Amino acid sequence: MKAVKLIQTRITYSESAFAELVLWQLPKPLEGSRHGFKYRLAYVVGDECVLRYDNEIGKGDHRHFGKKESAYEFTTPEQLIADFQHDIARWNHEHENRNT
């Protein structure tokens, strides 16, 4: 099996905020991951990436929320997207004045 791109989309939230989601199904897990997916989900506000979920080779699953990086427990692509959307809502709530 070759790598298959499952999602590549950009979602506009406002004039200054958008999300970009890219998700691939791989023939085998990346080094550092226990699943067969490669992903990069980013939320950009005012030309700054303020939230990102990704799994780099050797680094494994993790997320960036502002300047803080933490491990992320990947379960399914659907849960990944739900968690990302939840964090977008959280970011927007915590930074209301910045997103207008």
C-alpha atoms as a PDB file:
ATOM      1  CA  MET A   1       0.000   0.000   0.000  1.00  0.00           C
ATOM      2  CA  LYS A   2       1.200   3.492  -0.819  1.00  0.00           C
ATOM      3  CA  ALA A   3       0.579   6.488   1.404  1.00  0.00           C
ATOM      4  CA  VAL A   4      -2.940   7.839   0.853  1.00  0.00           C
ATOM      5  CA  LYS A   5      -3.893  11.453   1.509  1.00  0.00           C
ATOM      6  CA  LEU A   6      -7.161  11.361   3.450  1.00  0.00           C
ATOM      7  CA  ILE A   7      -7.597  15.072   4.170  1.00  0.00           C
ATOM      8  CA  GLN A   8      -6.089  18.293   2.914  1.00  0.00           C
ATOM      9  CA  THR A   9      -8.264  21.291   3.654  1.00  0.00           C
ATOM     10  CA  ARG A  10      -8.188  24.854   4.853  1.00  0.00           C
ATOM     11  CA  ILE A  11     -10.999  26.224   7.033  1.00  0.00           C
ATOM     12  CA  THR A  12     -11.430  29.983   7.360  1.00  0.00           C
ATOM     13  CA  TYR A  13     -12.642  31.157  10.775  1.00  0.00           C
ATOM     14  CA  SER A  14     -12.252  34.916  10.249  1.00  0.00           C
ATOM     15  CA  GLU A  15     -10.265  37.398   8.165  1.00  0.00           C
ATOM     16  CA  SER A  16      -7.272  36.737  10.415  1.00  0.00           C
ATOM     17  CA  ALA A  17      -7.720  33.092  11.445  1.00  0.00           C
ATOM     18  CA  PHE A  18      -7.723  29.772   9.594  1.00  0.00           C
ATOM     19  CA  ALA A  19      -7.030  26.088  10.187  1.00  0.00           C
ATOM     20  CA  GLU A  20      -5.139  23.803   7.848  1.00  0.00           C
ATOM     21  CA  LEU A  21      -5.572  20.040   8.167  1.00  0.00           C
ATOM     22  CA  VAL A  22      -3.444  17.431   6.393  1.00  0.00           C
ATOM     23  CA  LEU A  23      -3.781  13.713   7.174  1.00  0.00           C
ATOM     24  CA  TRP A  24      -2.165  10.736   5.417  1.00  0.00           C
ATOM     25  CA  GLN A  25      -2.674   7.011   5.938  1.00  0.00           C
ATOM     26  CA  LEU A  26       0.702   5.282   5.725  1.00  0.00           C
ATOM     27  CA  PRO A  27       1.675   1.700   4.921  1.00  0.00           C
ATOM     28  CA  LYS A  28       3.519   1.508   8.262  1.00  0.00           C
ATOM     29  CA  PRO A  29       3.879   3.723  11.351  1.00  0.00           C
ATOM     30  CA  LEU A  30       6.401   6.543  11.415  1.00  0.00           C
ATOM     31  CA  GLU A  31       9.329   6.159  13.788  1.00  0.00           C
ATOM     32  CA  GLY A  32       8.030   7.343  17.175  1.00  0.00           C
ATOM     33  CA  SER A  33       4.360   6.570  16.441  1.00  0.00           C
ATOM     34  CA  ARG A  34       2.342   3.371  16.970  1.00  0.00           C
ATOM     35  CA  HIS A  35      -0.255   4.044  14.264  1.00  0.00           C
ATOM     36  CA  GLY A  36      -0.268   4.296  10.488  1.00  0.00           C
ATOM     37  CA  PHE A  37      -1.065   8.000  10.111  1.00  0.00           C
ATOM     38  CA  LYS A  38       0.959  11.135   9.424  1.00  0.00           C
ATOM     39  CA  TYR A  39      -0.742  14.421  10.240  1.00  0.00           C
ATOM     40  CA  ARG A  40      -0.303  18.156  10.575  1.00  0.00           C
ATOM     41  CA  LEU A  41      -3.181  20.243  11.897  1.00  0.00           C
ATOM     42  CA  ALA A  42      -2.455  23.927  12.387  1.00  0.00           C
ATOM     43  CA  TYR A  43      -4.502  26.894  13.584  1.00  0.00           C
ATOM     44  CA  VAL A  44      -3.119  30.246  12.471  1.00  0.00           C
ATOM     45  CA  VAL A  45      -4.224  33.588  13.911  1.00  0.00           C
ATOM     46  CA  GLY A  46      -2.803  36.845  12.610  1.00  0.00           C
ATOM     47  CA  ASP A  47       0.000  35.095  10.663  1.00  0.00           C
ATOM     48  CA  GLU A  48       1.101  33.158  13.786  1.00  0.00           C
ATOM     49  CA  CYS A  49       0.619  29.418  14.275  1.00  0.00           C
ATOM     50  CA  VAL A  50      -0.933  29.318  17.749  1.00  0.00           C
ATOM     51  CA  LEU A  51      -2.011  25.657  17.793  1.00  0.00           C
ATOM     52  CA  ARG A  52      -0.551  22.630  16.033  1.00  0.00           C
ATOM     53  CA  TYR A  53      -0.934  18.873  16.257  1.00  0.00           C
ATOM     54  CA  ASP A  54       1.650  16.798  14.407  1.00  0.00           C
ATOM     55  CA  ASN A  55       3.798  13.673  14.505  1.00  0.00           C
ATOM     56  CA  GLU A  56       7.307  14.249  13.246  1.00  0.00           C
ATOM     57  CA  ILE A  57       9.554  11.304  12.447  1.00  0.00           C
ATOM     58  CA  GLY A  58      11.296  10.251  15.646  1.00  0.00           C
ATOM     59  CA  LYS A  59       9.379  12.731  17.793  1.00  0.00           C
ATOM     60  CA  GLY A  60       5.997  11.041  17.812  1.00  0.00           C
ATOM     61  CA  ASP A  61       2.555  12.473  18.474  1.00  0.00           C
ATOM     62  CA  HIS A  62       2.484  15.886  20.121  1.00  0.00           C
ATOM     63  CA  ARG A  63       0.719  19.224  20.132  1.00  0.00           C
ATOM     64  CA  HIS A  64       1.730  22.829  20.485  1.00  0.00           C
ATOM     65  CA  PHE A  65      -0.676  25.153  22.312  1.00  0.00           C
ATOM     66  CA  GLY A  66       0.791  28.627  22.164  1.00  0.00           C
ATOM     67  CA  LYS A  67       4.421  28.248  23.172  1.00  0.00           C
ATOM     68  CA  LYS A  68       3.811  25.035  25.173  1.00  0.00           C
ATOM     69  CA  GLU A  69       4.501  21.616  23.641  1.00  0.00           C
ATOM     70  CA  SER A  70       3.082  18.417  25.119  1.00  0.00           C
ATOM     71  CA  ALA A  71       2.660  14.755  24.187  1.00  0.00           C
ATOM     72  CA  TYR A  72      -0.582  13.793  22.460  1.00  0.00           C
ATOM     73  CA  GLU A  73      -2.209  10.368  22.753  1.00  0.00           C
ATOM     74  CA  PHE A  74      -3.444   9.553  19.227  1.00  0.00           C
ATOM     75  CA  THR A  75      -6.384   7.141  19.091  1.00  0.00           C
ATOM     76  CA  THR A  76      -8.265   7.705  15.807  1.00  0.00           C
ATOM     77  CA  PRO A  77      -8.294  10.325  13.047  1.00  0.00           C
ATOM     78  CA  GLU A  78     -11.808  11.325  14.115  1.00  0.00           C
ATOM     79  CA  GLN A  79     -10.722  11.890  17.710  1.00  0.00           C
ATOM     80  CA  LEU A  80      -7.654  13.823  16.525  1.00  0.00           C
ATOM     81  CA  ILE A  81      -9.862  16.254  14.608  1.00  0.00           C
ATOM     82  CA  ALA A  82     -12.327  16.527  17.514  1.00  0.00           C
ATOM     83  CA  ASP A  83      -9.483  17.298  19.943  1.00  0.00           C
ATOM     84  CA  PHE A  84      -8.065  19.875  17.531  1.00  0.00           C
ATOM     85  CA  GLN A  85     -11.456  21.575  17.140  1.00  0.00           C
ATOM     86  CA  HIS A  86     -11.890  21.596  20.915  1.00  0.00           C
ATOM     87  CA  ASP A  87      -8.516  23.302  21.314  1.00  0.00           C
ATOM     88  CA  ILE A  88      -9.417  25.879  18.643  1.00  0.00           C
ATOM     89  CA  ALA A  89     -12.557  26.734  20.626  1.00  0.00           C
ATOM     90  CA  ARG A  90     -10.476  26.918  23.811  1.00  0.00           C
ATOM     91  CA  TRP A  91      -7.874  29.182  22.165  1.00  0.00           C
ATOM     92  CA  ASN A  92     -10.581  31.473  20.797  1.00  0.00           C
ATOM     93  CA  HIS A  93     -12.277  31.677  24.194  1.00  0.00           C
ATOM     94  CA  GLU A  94      -9.019  32.426  26.018  1.00  0.00           C
ATOM     95  CA  HIS A  95      -7.914  35.015  23.418  1.00  0.00           C
ATOM     96  CA  GLU A  96     -11.202  36.669  22.444  1.00  0.00           C
ATOM     97  CA  ASN A  97      -9.798  40.156  21.858  1.00  0.00           C
ATOM     98  CA  ARG A  98      -6.978  38.857  19.690  1.00  0.00           C
ATOM     99  CA  ASN A  99      -9.189  37.090  17.133  1.00  0.00           C
ATOM    100  CA  THR A 100     -11.315  40.058  16.095  1.00  0.00           C
END
